[in-house]
């Protein structure tokens, strides 16, 4: 059942984006994802510690500071551990990704799907262009050979540029939501 107002739809049609505050309940939808990611970070920290890539698991630090410390110390982003899509290439049986129940409940949330339906109609598909991007402070993130941060602000772009040509005639909608109030 579509739920966006005519005014919201007009704004989307005119501006190409729409901010809908309060659509996802923090306690019911967002916090369970964060809770799952704590477990993912526990696994990552344990693996890196056992491999001698970090000096501690840093389990005494809050999530954001812990992730940042692990990224800084290991010199790697480790984004694939938290992502719910596999990479385009180099997929092995042990390629990390996270598609836990809280993430699934979020992307199948009835309120979210109703809003999406208001824009694209009732035929809604998820595609592998979807990503989770946990972003430590850019000034602390390891740099590539050109001196650019390995993860930084994501500029406005069209996801349609990275899908197969047969998607050119499809209505592709990106839904973005933060996991914290950055």
N, C-alpha and C. Protein backbone atom coordinates (compact mmCIF):
# COMPACT_ATOMS: atom_id res chain seq x y z
N UNK A 1 0.85 -1.18 0.00
CA UNK A 1 0.00 0.00 0.00
C UNK A 1 0.89 1.24 0.00
N UNK A 2 0.87 2.03 -1.08
CA UNK A 2 1.69 3.23 -1.15
C UNK A 2 1.40 4.19 0.00
N UNK A 3 2.45 4.85 0.49
CA UNK A 3 2.25 5.69 1.66
C UNK A 3 2.78 7.11 1.52
N UNK A 4 3.49 7.43 0.46
CA UNK A 4 4.00 8.78 0.33
C UNK A 4 2.88 9.71 -0.13
N UNK A 5 2.95 10.94 0.33
CA UNK A 5 1.93 11.92 -0.02
C UNK A 5 2.17 12.45 -1.43
N UNK A 6 1.16 13.10 -1.99
CA UNK A 6 1.31 13.73 -3.30
C UNK A 6 2.42 14.77 -3.27
N UNK A 7 2.52 15.49 -2.15
CA UNK A 7 3.56 16.51 -2.01
C UNK A 7 4.95 15.87 -2.01
N UNK A 8 5.10 14.77 -1.30
CA UNK A 8 6.39 14.07 -1.28
C UNK A 8 6.75 13.54 -2.67
N UNK A 9 5.78 12.96 -3.34
CA UNK A 9 6.03 12.44 -4.68
C UNK A 9 6.39 13.55 -5.65
N UNK A 10 5.74 14.70 -5.53
CA UNK A 10 6.06 15.85 -6.38
C UNK A 10 7.49 16.32 -6.11
N UNK A 11 7.88 16.36 -4.85
CA UNK A 11 9.25 16.75 -4.50
C UNK A 11 10.25 15.77 -5.12
N UNK A 12 9.97 14.48 -5.01
CA UNK A 12 10.86 13.48 -5.59
C UNK A 12 10.95 13.66 -7.11
N UNK A 13 9.82 13.84 -7.77
CA UNK A 13 9.82 14.01 -9.22
C UNK A 13 10.59 15.25 -9.64
N UNK A 14 10.48 16.32 -8.88
CA UNK A 14 11.13 17.59 -9.22
C UNK A 14 12.62 17.59 -8.87
N UNK A 15 12.96 17.09 -7.69
CA UNK A 15 14.34 17.20 -7.18
C UNK A 15 15.18 15.93 -7.36
N UNK A 16 14.51 14.79 -7.55
CA UNK A 16 15.25 13.54 -7.73
C UNK A 16 15.64 12.85 -6.44
N UNK A 17 15.20 13.38 -5.33
CA UNK A 17 15.46 12.75 -4.04
C UNK A 17 14.33 13.12 -3.09
N UNK A 18 14.26 12.39 -2.00
CA UNK A 18 13.25 12.68 -0.99
C UNK A 18 13.78 12.24 0.36
N UNK A 19 13.71 13.12 1.32
CA UNK A 19 14.10 12.81 2.69
C UNK A 19 12.83 12.51 3.47
N UNK A 20 12.75 11.31 4.03
CA UNK A 20 11.59 10.91 4.82
C UNK A 20 12.09 10.57 6.22
N UNK A 21 11.90 11.47 7.13
CA UNK A 21 12.37 11.26 8.50
C UNK A 21 11.42 10.34 9.26
N UNK A 22 12.00 9.50 10.12
CA UNK A 22 11.20 8.67 11.00
C UNK A 22 10.56 7.46 10.35
N UNK A 23 10.91 7.16 9.13
CA UNK A 23 10.29 6.01 8.46
C UNK A 23 10.67 4.70 9.13
N UNK A 24 11.94 4.57 9.49
CA UNK A 24 12.42 3.34 10.13
C UNK A 24 12.58 3.59 11.62
N UNK A 25 11.88 2.83 12.42
CA UNK A 25 11.95 2.97 13.86
C UNK A 25 13.34 2.58 14.35
N UNK A 26 13.98 3.48 15.07
CA UNK A 26 15.36 3.24 15.52
C UNK A 26 15.43 2.00 16.40
N UNK A 27 14.54 1.87 17.37
CA UNK A 27 14.60 0.74 18.30
C UNK A 27 14.26 -0.59 17.63
N UNK A 28 13.31 -0.58 16.70
CA UNK A 28 12.85 -1.83 16.09
C UNK A 28 13.64 -2.23 14.85
N UNK A 29 14.20 -1.26 14.13
CA UNK A 29 14.84 -1.57 12.85
C UNK A 29 16.35 -1.29 12.87
N UNK A 30 16.73 -0.09 13.27
CA UNK A 30 18.14 0.31 13.19
C UNK A 30 18.99 -0.35 14.28
N UNK A 31 18.54 -0.29 15.53
CA UNK A 31 19.35 -0.84 16.62
C UNK A 31 19.66 -2.33 16.45
N UNK A 32 18.71 -3.15 15.99
CA UNK A 32 19.06 -4.55 15.77
C UNK A 32 20.18 -4.74 14.72
N UNK A 33 20.23 -3.87 13.72
CA UNK A 33 21.33 -3.94 12.75
C UNK A 33 22.64 -3.62 13.44
N UNK A 34 22.64 -2.56 14.22
CA UNK A 34 23.85 -2.19 14.96
C UNK A 34 24.28 -3.32 15.88
N UNK A 35 23.31 -3.95 16.55
CA UNK A 35 23.64 -5.08 17.42
C UNK A 35 24.29 -6.21 16.63
N UNK A 36 23.75 -6.51 15.44
CA UNK A 36 24.37 -7.54 14.60
C UNK A 36 25.79 -7.14 14.21
N UNK A 37 25.98 -5.89 13.87
CA UNK A 37 27.31 -5.43 13.45
C UNK A 37 28.32 -5.49 14.58
N UNK A 38 27.86 -5.40 15.82
CA UNK A 38 28.78 -5.61 16.94
C UNK A 38 29.35 -7.03 16.87
N UNK A 39 28.50 -8.00 16.57
CA UNK A 39 28.97 -9.38 16.43
C UNK A 39 29.90 -9.56 15.25
N UNK A 40 29.60 -8.90 14.14
CA UNK A 40 30.47 -8.95 12.97
C UNK A 40 31.84 -8.37 13.32
N UNK A 41 31.84 -7.24 14.03
CA UNK A 41 33.10 -6.62 14.43
C UNK A 41 33.87 -7.51 15.40
N UNK A 42 33.16 -8.20 16.28
CA UNK A 42 33.82 -9.16 17.18
C UNK A 42 34.58 -10.22 16.37
N UNK A 43 33.92 -10.76 15.37
CA UNK A 43 34.54 -11.79 14.52
C UNK A 43 35.75 -11.23 13.78
N UNK A 44 35.59 -10.06 13.18
CA UNK A 44 36.68 -9.42 12.46
C UNK A 44 37.87 -9.17 13.38
N UNK A 45 37.61 -8.59 14.55
CA UNK A 45 38.68 -8.27 15.49
C UNK A 45 39.41 -9.54 15.94
N UNK A 46 38.66 -10.57 16.21
CA UNK A 46 39.25 -11.84 16.64
C UNK A 46 40.15 -12.42 15.53
N UNK A 47 39.67 -12.40 14.29
CA UNK A 47 40.46 -12.92 13.17
C UNK A 47 41.75 -12.12 12.99
N UNK A 48 41.64 -10.79 13.03
CA UNK A 48 42.82 -9.95 12.84
C UNK A 48 43.81 -10.10 13.99
N UNK A 49 43.30 -10.21 15.19
CA UNK A 49 44.16 -10.39 16.37
C UNK A 49 44.91 -11.73 16.28
N UNK A 50 44.18 -12.79 15.93
CA UNK A 50 44.80 -14.11 15.82
C UNK A 50 45.84 -14.16 14.70
N UNK A 51 45.64 -13.33 13.67
CA UNK A 51 46.59 -13.27 12.56
C UNK A 51 47.75 -12.31 12.85
N UNK A 52 47.72 -11.66 14.01
CA UNK A 52 48.79 -10.74 14.39
C UNK A 52 48.73 -9.40 13.67
N UNK A 53 47.57 -9.05 13.12
CA UNK A 53 47.44 -7.80 12.38
C UNK A 53 47.03 -6.63 13.26
N UNK A 54 46.52 -6.92 14.46
CA UNK A 54 46.21 -5.88 15.43
C UNK A 54 46.68 -6.35 16.80
N UNK A 55 46.96 -5.39 17.68
CA UNK A 55 47.55 -5.71 18.99
C UNK A 55 46.53 -6.15 20.02
N UNK A 56 45.25 -5.87 19.76
CA UNK A 56 44.18 -6.17 20.71
C UNK A 56 42.89 -6.31 19.93
N UNK A 57 41.88 -6.91 20.54
CA UNK A 57 40.56 -6.94 19.91
C UNK A 57 39.79 -5.67 20.20
N UNK A 58 40.27 -4.87 21.14
CA UNK A 58 39.68 -3.57 21.49
C UNK A 58 38.21 -3.68 21.88
N UNK A 59 37.85 -4.78 22.53
CA UNK A 59 36.44 -4.97 22.89
C UNK A 59 35.99 -4.06 24.02
N UNK A 60 36.91 -3.26 24.57
CA UNK A 60 36.53 -2.29 25.60
C UNK A 60 36.09 -0.96 24.99
N UNK A 61 36.27 -0.80 23.67
CA UNK A 61 35.91 0.46 23.00
C UNK A 61 34.49 0.39 22.46
N UNK A 62 33.80 1.54 22.39
CA UNK A 62 32.50 1.56 21.72
C UNK A 62 32.67 1.27 20.22
N UNK A 63 31.61 0.88 19.57
CA UNK A 63 31.66 0.37 18.20
C UNK A 63 32.45 1.28 17.26
N UNK A 64 32.10 2.54 17.17
CA UNK A 64 32.74 3.45 16.22
C UNK A 64 34.22 3.60 16.47
N UNK A 65 34.60 3.79 17.71
CA UNK A 65 36.02 3.93 18.06
C UNK A 65 36.76 2.61 17.83
N UNK A 66 36.10 1.51 18.12
CA UNK A 66 36.71 0.20 17.92
C UNK A 66 36.96 -0.06 16.44
N UNK A 67 35.95 0.19 15.62
CA UNK A 67 36.11 0.01 14.18
C UNK A 67 37.24 0.89 13.66
N UNK A 68 37.25 2.15 14.09
CA UNK A 68 38.28 3.07 13.64
C UNK A 68 39.67 2.58 14.04
N UNK A 69 39.83 2.14 15.28
CA UNK A 69 41.13 1.65 15.74
C UNK A 69 41.58 0.45 14.92
N UNK A 70 40.67 -0.45 14.63
CA UNK A 70 41.01 -1.64 13.84
C UNK A 70 41.40 -1.26 12.42
N UNK A 71 40.68 -0.32 11.82
CA UNK A 71 41.00 0.15 10.47
C UNK A 71 42.38 0.81 10.46
N UNK A 72 42.61 1.70 11.41
CA UNK A 72 43.89 2.42 11.47
C UNK A 72 45.04 1.44 11.68
N UNK A 73 44.90 0.55 12.63
CA UNK A 73 45.99 -0.36 12.97
C UNK A 73 46.26 -1.41 11.90
N UNK A 74 45.21 -1.92 11.29
CA UNK A 74 45.39 -2.96 10.26
C UNK A 74 45.73 -2.37 8.90
N UNK A 75 45.40 -1.08 8.71
CA UNK A 75 45.65 -0.44 7.42
C UNK A 75 44.69 -0.87 6.34
N UNK A 76 43.57 -1.47 6.75
CA UNK A 76 42.57 -1.95 5.79
C UNK A 76 41.17 -1.52 6.24
N UNK A 77 40.26 -1.43 5.29
CA UNK A 77 38.89 -0.98 5.57
C UNK A 77 38.01 -2.11 6.09
N UNK A 78 38.12 -3.30 5.54
CA UNK A 78 37.33 -4.47 5.94
C UNK A 78 35.83 -4.28 5.69
N UNK A 79 35.48 -3.46 4.71
CA UNK A 79 34.08 -3.16 4.44
C UNK A 79 33.28 -4.39 4.06
N UNK A 80 33.92 -5.35 3.40
CA UNK A 80 33.19 -6.52 2.93
C UNK A 80 32.58 -7.32 4.06
N UNK A 81 33.15 -7.26 5.25
CA UNK A 81 32.60 -8.00 6.40
C UNK A 81 31.18 -7.53 6.74
N UNK A 82 30.89 -6.26 6.51
CA UNK A 82 29.61 -5.67 6.90
C UNK A 82 28.62 -5.56 5.74
N UNK A 83 29.11 -5.70 4.53
CA UNK A 83 28.29 -5.52 3.35
C UNK A 83 27.35 -6.71 3.17
N UNK A 84 26.16 -6.45 2.64
CA UNK A 84 25.23 -7.55 2.40
C UNK A 84 25.13 -7.91 0.92
N UNK A 85 26.14 -7.48 0.16
CA UNK A 85 26.30 -7.92 -1.23
C UNK A 85 27.72 -8.45 -1.39
N UNK A 86 27.85 -9.47 -2.20
CA UNK A 86 29.18 -9.99 -2.50
C UNK A 86 29.87 -9.07 -3.49
N UNK A 87 31.21 -9.08 -3.54
CA UNK A 87 31.92 -8.24 -4.50
C UNK A 87 31.69 -8.73 -5.93
N UNK A 88 32.05 -7.90 -6.91
CA UNK A 88 31.83 -8.26 -8.31
C UNK A 88 32.73 -9.41 -8.76
N UNK A 89 33.91 -9.51 -8.17
CA UNK A 89 34.86 -10.55 -8.56
C UNK A 89 35.56 -11.10 -7.32
N UNK A 90 36.31 -12.17 -7.52
CA UNK A 90 37.12 -12.73 -6.45
C UNK A 90 36.34 -13.35 -5.32
N UNK A 91 35.21 -13.94 -5.63
CA UNK A 91 34.36 -14.54 -4.60
C UNK A 91 34.82 -15.97 -4.33
N UNK A 92 35.11 -16.24 -3.07
CA UNK A 92 35.50 -17.57 -2.62
C UNK A 92 34.48 -18.04 -1.58
N UNK A 93 34.60 -19.29 -1.17
CA UNK A 93 33.69 -19.83 -0.16
C UNK A 93 33.77 -19.06 1.15
N UNK A 94 34.92 -18.45 1.42
CA UNK A 94 35.07 -17.73 2.69
C UNK A 94 35.03 -16.20 2.52
N UNK A 95 34.55 -15.72 1.38
CA UNK A 95 34.42 -14.27 1.19
C UNK A 95 33.41 -13.74 2.21
N UNK A 96 33.84 -12.79 3.04
CA UNK A 96 32.92 -12.31 4.07
C UNK A 96 31.81 -11.43 3.50
N UNK A 97 30.65 -11.53 4.08
CA UNK A 97 29.55 -10.58 3.87
C UNK A 97 28.55 -10.84 4.98
N UNK A 98 27.66 -9.88 5.20
CA UNK A 98 26.71 -10.04 6.29
C UNK A 98 25.29 -9.83 5.79
N UNK A 99 24.49 -10.87 5.90
CA UNK A 99 23.07 -10.80 5.55
C UNK A 99 22.27 -11.36 6.71
N UNK A 100 22.48 -10.78 7.88
CA UNK A 100 21.81 -11.25 9.08
C UNK A 100 20.33 -10.93 9.09
N UNK A 101 19.61 -11.50 10.04
CA UNK A 101 18.16 -11.31 10.09
C UNK A 101 17.73 -9.86 10.28
N UNK A 102 18.48 -9.06 11.02
CA UNK A 102 18.07 -7.66 11.21
C UNK A 102 18.21 -6.88 9.90
N UNK A 103 19.25 -7.16 9.14
CA UNK A 103 19.42 -6.52 7.83
C UNK A 103 18.27 -6.93 6.92
N UNK A 104 17.95 -8.22 6.90
CA UNK A 104 16.86 -8.70 6.06
C UNK A 104 15.53 -8.07 6.48
N UNK A 105 15.29 -8.00 7.79
CA UNK A 105 14.04 -7.37 8.26
C UNK A 105 13.97 -5.91 7.83
N UNK A 106 15.11 -5.25 7.79
CA UNK A 106 15.13 -3.85 7.38
C UNK A 106 14.76 -3.70 5.91
N UNK A 107 15.43 -4.47 5.05
CA UNK A 107 15.17 -4.29 3.61
C UNK A 107 13.82 -4.86 3.18
N UNK A 108 13.15 -5.58 4.09
CA UNK A 108 11.79 -6.06 3.81
C UNK A 108 10.77 -5.38 4.73
N UNK A 109 11.17 -4.28 5.35
CA UNK A 109 10.28 -3.55 6.26
C UNK A 109 9.05 -3.04 5.50
N UNK A 110 7.85 -3.34 5.97
CA UNK A 110 6.63 -2.94 5.25
C UNK A 110 6.53 -1.43 5.01
N UNK A 111 6.91 -0.60 5.98
CA UNK A 111 6.84 0.85 5.78
C UNK A 111 7.79 1.29 4.68
N UNK A 112 8.99 0.73 4.69
CA UNK A 112 9.97 1.06 3.66
C UNK A 112 9.48 0.61 2.28
N UNK A 113 8.98 -0.62 2.20
CA UNK A 113 8.49 -1.12 0.92
C UNK A 113 7.27 -0.35 0.43
N UNK A 114 6.42 0.10 1.33
CA UNK A 114 5.27 0.92 0.93
C UNK A 114 5.75 2.23 0.31
N UNK A 115 6.76 2.84 0.91
CA UNK A 115 7.30 4.10 0.37
C UNK A 115 7.93 3.86 -1.00
N UNK A 116 8.68 2.78 -1.13
CA UNK A 116 9.29 2.45 -2.41
C UNK A 116 8.21 2.20 -3.46
N UNK A 117 7.17 1.47 -3.07
CA UNK A 117 6.07 1.20 -4.00
C UNK A 117 5.42 2.48 -4.49
N UNK A 118 5.36 3.49 -3.64
CA UNK A 118 4.78 4.77 -4.04
C UNK A 118 5.51 5.37 -5.23
N UNK A 119 6.78 5.03 -5.38
CA UNK A 119 7.60 5.62 -6.44
C UNK A 119 7.74 4.68 -7.64
N UNK A 120 8.02 3.40 -7.41
CA UNK A 120 8.31 2.50 -8.53
C UNK A 120 7.18 1.54 -8.86
N UNK A 121 6.15 1.51 -8.06
CA UNK A 121 5.07 0.56 -8.28
C UNK A 121 5.28 -0.72 -7.49
N UNK A 122 4.38 -1.69 -7.65
CA UNK A 122 4.37 -2.86 -6.78
C UNK A 122 5.47 -3.89 -7.07
N UNK A 123 6.11 -3.81 -8.23
CA UNK A 123 7.16 -4.79 -8.54
C UNK A 123 8.50 -4.25 -8.04
N UNK A 124 8.90 -4.72 -6.88
CA UNK A 124 10.11 -4.22 -6.21
C UNK A 124 11.15 -5.33 -6.17
N UNK A 125 12.33 -5.01 -6.64
CA UNK A 125 13.44 -5.96 -6.64
C UNK A 125 14.62 -5.33 -5.91
N UNK A 126 15.36 -6.16 -5.22
CA UNK A 126 16.63 -5.73 -4.65
C UNK A 126 17.72 -6.20 -5.61
N UNK A 127 18.79 -5.45 -5.70
CA UNK A 127 19.84 -5.83 -6.64
C UNK A 127 21.22 -5.74 -6.00
N UNK A 128 22.24 -6.33 -6.62
CA UNK A 128 23.56 -6.37 -5.99
C UNK A 128 24.31 -5.05 -6.00
N UNK A 129 23.67 -3.97 -6.38
CA UNK A 129 24.30 -2.66 -6.30
C UNK A 129 24.21 -2.14 -4.85
N UNK A 130 23.43 -2.81 -4.05
CA UNK A 130 23.23 -2.39 -2.65
C UNK A 130 24.50 -2.60 -1.83
N UNK A 131 24.76 -1.68 -0.92
CA UNK A 131 25.96 -1.78 -0.09
C UNK A 131 25.72 -1.20 1.29
N UNK A 132 26.54 -1.63 2.21
CA UNK A 132 26.65 -1.02 3.53
C UNK A 132 28.01 -0.35 3.55
N UNK A 133 28.04 0.89 3.94
CA UNK A 133 29.31 1.61 4.00
C UNK A 133 29.51 2.18 5.40
N UNK A 134 30.34 1.51 6.18
CA UNK A 134 30.71 2.03 7.49
C UNK A 134 31.93 2.91 7.27
N UNK A 135 31.83 4.17 7.69
CA UNK A 135 32.86 5.14 7.35
C UNK A 135 33.49 5.74 8.60
N UNK A 136 34.69 5.27 8.93
CA UNK A 136 35.43 5.93 10.02
C UNK A 136 35.79 7.35 9.60
N UNK A 137 36.24 8.18 10.54
CA UNK A 137 36.65 9.54 10.16
C UNK A 137 37.69 9.51 9.04
N UNK A 138 37.42 10.24 7.97
CA UNK A 138 38.26 10.18 6.77
C UNK A 138 39.73 10.50 7.06
N UNK A 139 39.98 11.39 7.98
CA UNK A 139 41.36 11.78 8.28
C UNK A 139 42.16 10.62 8.88
N UNK A 140 41.48 9.60 9.40
CA UNK A 140 42.15 8.46 10.01
C UNK A 140 42.22 7.23 9.11
N UNK A 141 41.52 7.28 8.00
CA UNK A 141 41.42 6.12 7.12
C UNK A 141 42.72 5.95 6.33
N UNK A 142 43.18 4.70 6.15
CA UNK A 142 44.38 4.46 5.34
C UNK A 142 44.21 5.05 3.93
N UNK A 143 45.32 5.42 3.33
CA UNK A 143 45.31 6.04 2.00
C UNK A 143 45.78 5.04 0.95
N UNK A 144 45.34 5.25 -0.29
CA UNK A 144 45.82 4.42 -1.39
C UNK A 144 47.14 4.99 -1.92
N UNK A 145 47.65 4.44 -3.01
CA UNK A 145 48.93 4.88 -3.56
C UNK A 145 48.89 6.31 -4.08
N UNK A 146 47.71 6.86 -4.31
CA UNK A 146 47.56 8.25 -4.74
C UNK A 146 47.33 9.20 -3.58
N UNK A 147 47.36 8.67 -2.36
CA UNK A 147 47.14 9.50 -1.18
C UNK A 147 45.68 9.77 -0.87
N UNK A 148 44.76 9.07 -1.53
CA UNK A 148 43.34 9.25 -1.28
C UNK A 148 42.86 8.23 -0.25
N UNK A 149 41.94 8.66 0.60
CA UNK A 149 41.38 7.75 1.62
C UNK A 149 40.72 6.56 0.94
N UNK A 150 40.91 5.37 1.54
CA UNK A 150 40.33 4.15 0.97
C UNK A 150 38.81 4.15 1.05
N UNK A 151 38.25 4.89 1.97
CA UNK A 151 36.80 5.08 2.03
C UNK A 151 36.57 6.53 2.43
N UNK A 152 35.66 7.18 1.72
CA UNK A 152 35.41 8.59 1.99
C UNK A 152 33.97 8.91 1.61
N UNK A 153 33.67 10.18 1.53
CA UNK A 153 32.32 10.59 1.15
C UNK A 153 31.96 9.97 -0.19
N UNK A 154 30.73 9.55 -0.32
CA UNK A 154 30.26 9.01 -1.59
C UNK A 154 29.57 10.14 -2.33
N UNK A 155 30.15 10.52 -3.46
CA UNK A 155 29.57 11.60 -4.24
C UNK A 155 28.24 11.16 -4.85
N UNK A 156 27.40 12.14 -5.19
CA UNK A 156 26.16 11.83 -5.88
C UNK A 156 26.52 11.10 -7.16
N UNK A 157 25.79 10.05 -7.45
CA UNK A 157 26.05 9.26 -8.65
C UNK A 157 24.79 8.48 -9.00
N UNK A 158 24.80 7.92 -10.20
CA UNK A 158 23.68 7.08 -10.61
C UNK A 158 24.11 5.62 -10.54
N UNK A 159 23.42 4.85 -9.72
CA UNK A 159 23.72 3.43 -9.63
C UNK A 159 23.52 2.73 -10.96
N UNK A 160 22.70 3.30 -11.82
CA UNK A 160 22.43 2.69 -13.11
C UNK A 160 23.70 2.53 -13.94
N UNK A 161 24.75 3.28 -13.62
CA UNK A 161 26.01 3.18 -14.34
C UNK A 161 26.79 1.91 -14.06
N UNK A 162 26.40 1.16 -13.05
CA UNK A 162 27.15 -0.05 -12.69
C UNK A 162 26.30 -1.32 -12.78
N UNK A 163 25.20 -1.23 -13.49
CA UNK A 163 24.37 -2.42 -13.70
C UNK A 163 24.44 -2.82 -15.17
N UNK A 164 23.91 -3.96 -15.50
CA UNK A 164 23.94 -4.45 -16.87
C UNK A 164 23.08 -3.57 -17.78
N UNK A 165 23.40 -3.51 -19.08
CA UNK A 165 22.67 -2.64 -20.01
C UNK A 165 21.16 -2.89 -20.03
N UNK A 166 20.72 -4.13 -19.79
CA UNK A 166 19.28 -4.38 -19.82
C UNK A 166 18.52 -3.65 -18.71
N UNK A 167 19.25 -3.10 -17.76
CA UNK A 167 18.60 -2.33 -16.69
C UNK A 167 18.36 -0.87 -17.09
N UNK A 168 18.85 -0.48 -18.27
CA UNK A 168 18.74 0.92 -18.68
C UNK A 168 17.30 1.43 -18.70
N UNK A 169 16.36 0.58 -19.02
CA UNK A 169 14.97 1.00 -19.09
C UNK A 169 14.21 0.77 -17.79
N UNK A 170 14.93 0.42 -16.74
CA UNK A 170 14.30 0.15 -15.45
C UNK A 170 14.28 1.39 -14.58
N UNK A 171 13.26 1.47 -13.76
CA UNK A 171 13.21 2.50 -12.72
C UNK A 171 14.05 1.99 -11.56
N UNK A 172 15.19 2.61 -11.34
CA UNK A 172 16.09 2.20 -10.26
C UNK A 172 16.03 3.26 -9.17
N UNK A 173 15.69 2.83 -7.99
CA UNK A 173 15.57 3.74 -6.85
C UNK A 173 16.59 3.33 -5.80
N UNK A 174 17.34 4.29 -5.31
CA UNK A 174 18.28 4.04 -4.23
C UNK A 174 17.64 4.50 -2.92
N UNK A 175 17.68 3.63 -1.93
CA UNK A 175 17.20 3.97 -0.59
C UNK A 175 18.42 4.02 0.31
N UNK A 176 18.62 5.12 0.98
CA UNK A 176 19.78 5.32 1.85
C UNK A 176 19.30 5.69 3.23
N UNK A 177 19.93 5.09 4.24
CA UNK A 177 19.62 5.50 5.61
C UNK A 177 20.87 5.35 6.47
N UNK A 178 21.06 6.27 7.40
CA UNK A 178 22.23 6.19 8.28
C UNK A 178 21.97 5.26 9.46
N UNK A 179 23.04 4.69 9.99
CA UNK A 179 22.93 3.88 11.19
C UNK A 179 23.21 4.70 12.45
N UNK A 180 23.67 5.93 12.25
CA UNK A 180 23.86 6.82 13.40
C UNK A 180 23.62 8.26 12.94
N UNK A 181 23.65 9.16 13.88
CA UNK A 181 23.42 10.57 13.56
C UNK A 181 24.76 11.26 13.35
N UNK A 182 25.42 10.91 12.27
CA UNK A 182 26.74 11.48 11.97
C UNK A 182 26.62 12.94 11.57
